[in-house]
C-alpha cells in the first residue's frame, strides 16, 4: 500500500488539458469542413448534383400530382425501390407511377 495517487489539483489540470485538446480538435475539424465546402462551391462540383436533386424532386412531385397519388405513398415507393436496388435516393428520378394489375 505504498503507492501514492495524484492530487486533486493535478487531476483537474489533466482533465482540463484533455478537454482543451478535444475541443481544439473539434474546432479544427469544423474549420476544415468550412474550407472544403467553400472550395467545392467555387469549383462548381456541387451545381451538377444540386441540379439532379432538384430535377428528381420536381419530377417526383409532378408524377404524384399528375397521377393523383398521395405524396406519402410516393415517398414509400421510392424508399422501397431504392432500398431494394441499393441505390442512393438522390440517384433515382421518378417520372411516373402506374399500377400494374
C-alpha atoms as a PDB file:
ATOM      1  CA  UNK A   1       0.000   0.000   0.000  1.00  0.00           C
ATOM      2  CA  UNK A   2       2.901   2.271  -0.614  1.00  0.00           C
ATOM      3  CA  UNK A   3       1.526   3.683  -3.889  1.00  0.00           C
ATOM      4  CA  UNK A   4       0.617   7.314  -3.878  1.00  0.00           C
ATOM      5  CA  UNK A   5      -2.122   8.754  -6.084  1.00  0.00           C
ATOM      6  CA  UNK A   6      -2.091  12.117  -7.781  1.00  0.00           C
ATOM      7  CA  UNK A   7      -3.510  15.128  -6.051  1.00  0.00           C
ATOM      8  CA  UNK A   8      -6.878  16.647  -6.882  1.00  0.00           C
ATOM      9  CA  UNK A   9      -5.200  19.716  -8.362  1.00  0.00           C
ATOM     10  CA  UNK A  10      -3.116  17.600 -10.730  1.00  0.00           C
ATOM     11  CA  UNK A  11      -6.123  15.556 -11.796  1.00  0.00           C
ATOM     12  CA  UNK A  12      -8.063  18.750 -12.537  1.00  0.00           C
ATOM     13  CA  UNK A  13      -5.176  20.035 -14.655  1.00  0.00           C
ATOM     14  CA  UNK A  14      -5.080  16.741 -16.584  1.00  0.00           C
ATOM     15  CA  UNK A  15      -8.845  16.874 -17.118  1.00  0.00           C
ATOM     16  CA  UNK A  16      -8.719  20.471 -18.327  1.00  0.00           C
ATOM     17  CA  UNK A  17      -5.842  19.629 -20.664  1.00  0.00           C
ATOM     18  CA  UNK A  18      -7.747  16.669 -22.120  1.00  0.00           C
ATOM     19  CA  UNK A  19     -10.911  18.706 -22.645  1.00  0.00           C
ATOM     20  CA  UNK A  20      -8.972  21.520 -24.302  1.00  0.00           C
ATOM     21  CA  UNK A  21      -7.271  19.089 -26.702  1.00  0.00           C
ATOM     22  CA  UNK A  22     -10.611  17.546 -27.716  1.00  0.00           C
ATOM     23  CA  UNK A  23     -12.293  20.939 -28.081  1.00  0.00           C
ATOM     24  CA  UNK A  24      -9.437  22.343 -30.193  1.00  0.00           C
ATOM     25  CA  UNK A  25      -9.573  19.251 -32.420  1.00  0.00           C
ATOM     26  CA  UNK A  26     -13.308  19.798 -32.947  1.00  0.00           C
ATOM     27  CA  UNK A  27     -12.732  23.453 -33.816  1.00  0.00           C
ATOM     28  CA  UNK A  28     -10.018  22.464 -36.306  1.00  0.00           C
ATOM     29  CA  UNK A  29     -12.353  19.882 -37.870  1.00  0.00           C
ATOM     30  CA  UNK A  30     -15.117  22.480 -38.219  1.00  0.00           C
ATOM     31  CA  UNK A  31     -12.699  24.880 -39.925  1.00  0.00           C
ATOM     32  CA  UNK A  32     -11.577  22.167 -42.359  1.00  0.00           C
ATOM     33  CA  UNK A  33     -15.210  21.379 -43.223  1.00  0.00           C
ATOM     34  CA  UNK A  34     -15.936  25.057 -43.858  1.00  0.00           C
ATOM     35  CA  UNK A  35     -12.831  25.345 -46.033  1.00  0.00           C
ATOM     36  CA  UNK A  36     -13.723  22.278 -48.099  1.00  0.00           C
ATOM     37  CA  UNK A  37     -17.306  23.456 -48.588  1.00  0.00           C
ATOM     38  CA  UNK A  38     -16.049  26.795 -49.919  1.00  0.00           C
ATOM     39  CA  UNK A  39     -13.646  25.014 -52.276  1.00  0.00           C
ATOM     40  CA  UNK A  40     -16.425  22.761 -53.578  1.00  0.00           C
ATOM     41  CA  UNK A  41     -18.734  25.729 -54.150  1.00  0.00           C
ATOM     42  CA  UNK A  42     -16.052  27.616 -56.087  1.00  0.00           C
ATOM     43  CA  UNK A  43     -15.169  24.659 -58.317  1.00  0.00           C
ATOM     44  CA  UNK A  44     -18.816  24.072 -59.271  1.00  0.00           C
ATOM     45  CA  UNK A  45     -18.899  20.404 -58.363  1.00  0.00           C
ATOM     46  CA  UNK A  46     -21.984  20.954 -56.224  1.00  0.00           C
ATOM     47  CA  UNK A  47     -24.055  22.557 -59.002  1.00  0.00           C
ATOM     48  CA  UNK A  48     -24.374  19.358 -61.045  1.00  0.00           C
ATOM     49  CA  UNK A  49     -25.522  17.361 -58.028  1.00  0.00           C
ATOM     50  CA  UNK A  50     -27.933  20.077 -56.920  1.00  0.00           C
ATOM     51  CA  UNK A  51     -29.479  20.180 -60.401  1.00  0.00           C
ATOM     52  CA  UNK A  52     -30.041  16.448 -60.352  1.00  0.00           C
ATOM     53  CA  UNK A  53     -31.638  16.650 -56.898  1.00  0.00           C
ATOM     54  CA  UNK A  54     -33.942  19.455 -57.986  1.00  0.00           C
ATOM     55  CA  UNK A  55     -34.926  17.556 -61.124  1.00  0.00           C
ATOM     56  CA  UNK A  56     -35.632  14.394 -59.111  1.00  0.00           C
ATOM     57  CA  UNK A  57     -37.751  16.242 -56.580  1.00  0.00           C
ATOM     58  CA  UNK A  58     -39.709  18.157 -59.205  1.00  0.00           C
ATOM     59  CA  UNK A  59     -40.227  15.020 -61.308  1.00  0.00           C
ATOM     60  CA  UNK A  60     -41.448  13.045 -58.299  1.00  0.00           C
ATOM     61  CA  UNK A  61     -43.875  15.755 -57.235  1.00  0.00           C
ATOM     62  CA  UNK A  62     -45.187  16.139 -60.786  1.00  0.00           C
ATOM     63  CA  UNK A  63     -45.668  12.397 -61.082  1.00  0.00           C
ATOM     64  CA  UNK A  64     -47.600  12.307 -57.816  1.00  0.00           C
ATOM     65  CA  UNK A  65     -49.832  15.223 -58.738  1.00  0.00           C
ATOM     66  CA  UNK A  66     -50.422  14.042 -62.297  1.00  0.00           C
ATOM     67  CA  UNK A  67     -51.473  10.553 -61.254  1.00  0.00           C
ATOM     68  CA  UNK A  68     -53.450  11.670 -58.215  1.00  0.00           C
ATOM     69  CA  UNK A  69     -51.151   9.723 -55.882  1.00  0.00           C
ATOM     70  CA  UNK A  70     -50.547  10.701 -52.284  1.00  0.00           C
ATOM     71  CA  UNK A  71     -47.060  12.129 -51.642  1.00  0.00           C
ATOM     72  CA  UNK A  72     -46.523   9.830 -48.668  1.00  0.00           C
ATOM     73  CA  UNK A  73     -47.275   6.841 -50.902  1.00  0.00           C
ATOM     74  CA  UNK A  74     -44.782   8.181 -53.442  1.00  0.00           C
ATOM     75  CA  UNK A  75     -42.155   8.513 -50.712  1.00  0.00           C
ATOM     76  CA  UNK A  76     -42.778   4.952 -49.565  1.00  0.00           C
ATOM     77  CA  UNK A  77     -42.487   3.605 -53.112  1.00  0.00           C
ATOM     78  CA  UNK A  78     -39.246   5.487 -53.752  1.00  0.00           C
ATOM     79  CA  UNK A  79     -37.828   4.270 -50.430  1.00  0.00           C
ATOM     80  CA  UNK A  80     -38.720   0.668 -51.227  1.00  0.00           C
ATOM     81  CA  UNK A  81     -37.268   0.814 -54.737  1.00  0.00           C
ATOM     82  CA  UNK A  82     -34.025   2.498 -53.692  1.00  0.00           C
ATOM     83  CA  UNK A  83     -33.588   0.092 -50.768  1.00  0.00           C
ATOM     84  CA  UNK A  84     -34.170  -2.930 -52.983  1.00  0.00           C
ATOM     85  CA  UNK A  85     -31.840  -1.648 -55.702  1.00  0.00           C
ATOM     86  CA  UNK A  86     -29.316  -0.461 -53.100  1.00  0.00           C
ATOM     87  CA  UNK A  87     -29.206   2.980 -54.691  1.00  0.00           C
ATOM     88  CA  UNK A  88     -29.000   6.375 -53.028  1.00  0.00           C
ATOM     89  CA  UNK A  89     -32.347   8.182 -53.070  1.00  0.00           C
ATOM     90  CA  UNK A  90     -30.916  11.189 -54.933  1.00  0.00           C
ATOM     91  CA  UNK A  91     -29.742   8.952 -57.795  1.00  0.00           C
ATOM     92  CA  UNK A  92     -33.302   7.868 -58.642  1.00  0.00           C
ATOM     93  CA  UNK A  93     -35.569  10.073 -60.759  1.00  0.00           C
ATOM     94  CA  UNK A  94     -39.257   9.133 -60.749  1.00  0.00           C
ATOM     95  CA  UNK A  95     -41.008  10.169 -63.949  1.00  0.00           C
ATOM     96  CA  UNK A  96     -44.308   8.349 -63.474  1.00  0.00           C
ATOM     97  CA  UNK A  97     -46.006   5.756 -61.337  1.00  0.00           C
ATOM     98  CA  UNK A  98     -48.652   3.396 -62.634  1.00  0.00           C
ATOM     99  CA  UNK A  99     -50.403   0.434 -61.088  1.00  0.00           C
ATOM    100  CA  UNK A 100     -49.685  -2.980 -62.603  1.00  0.00           C
ATOM    101  CA  UNK A 101     -52.554  -5.450 -62.345  1.00  0.00           C
END
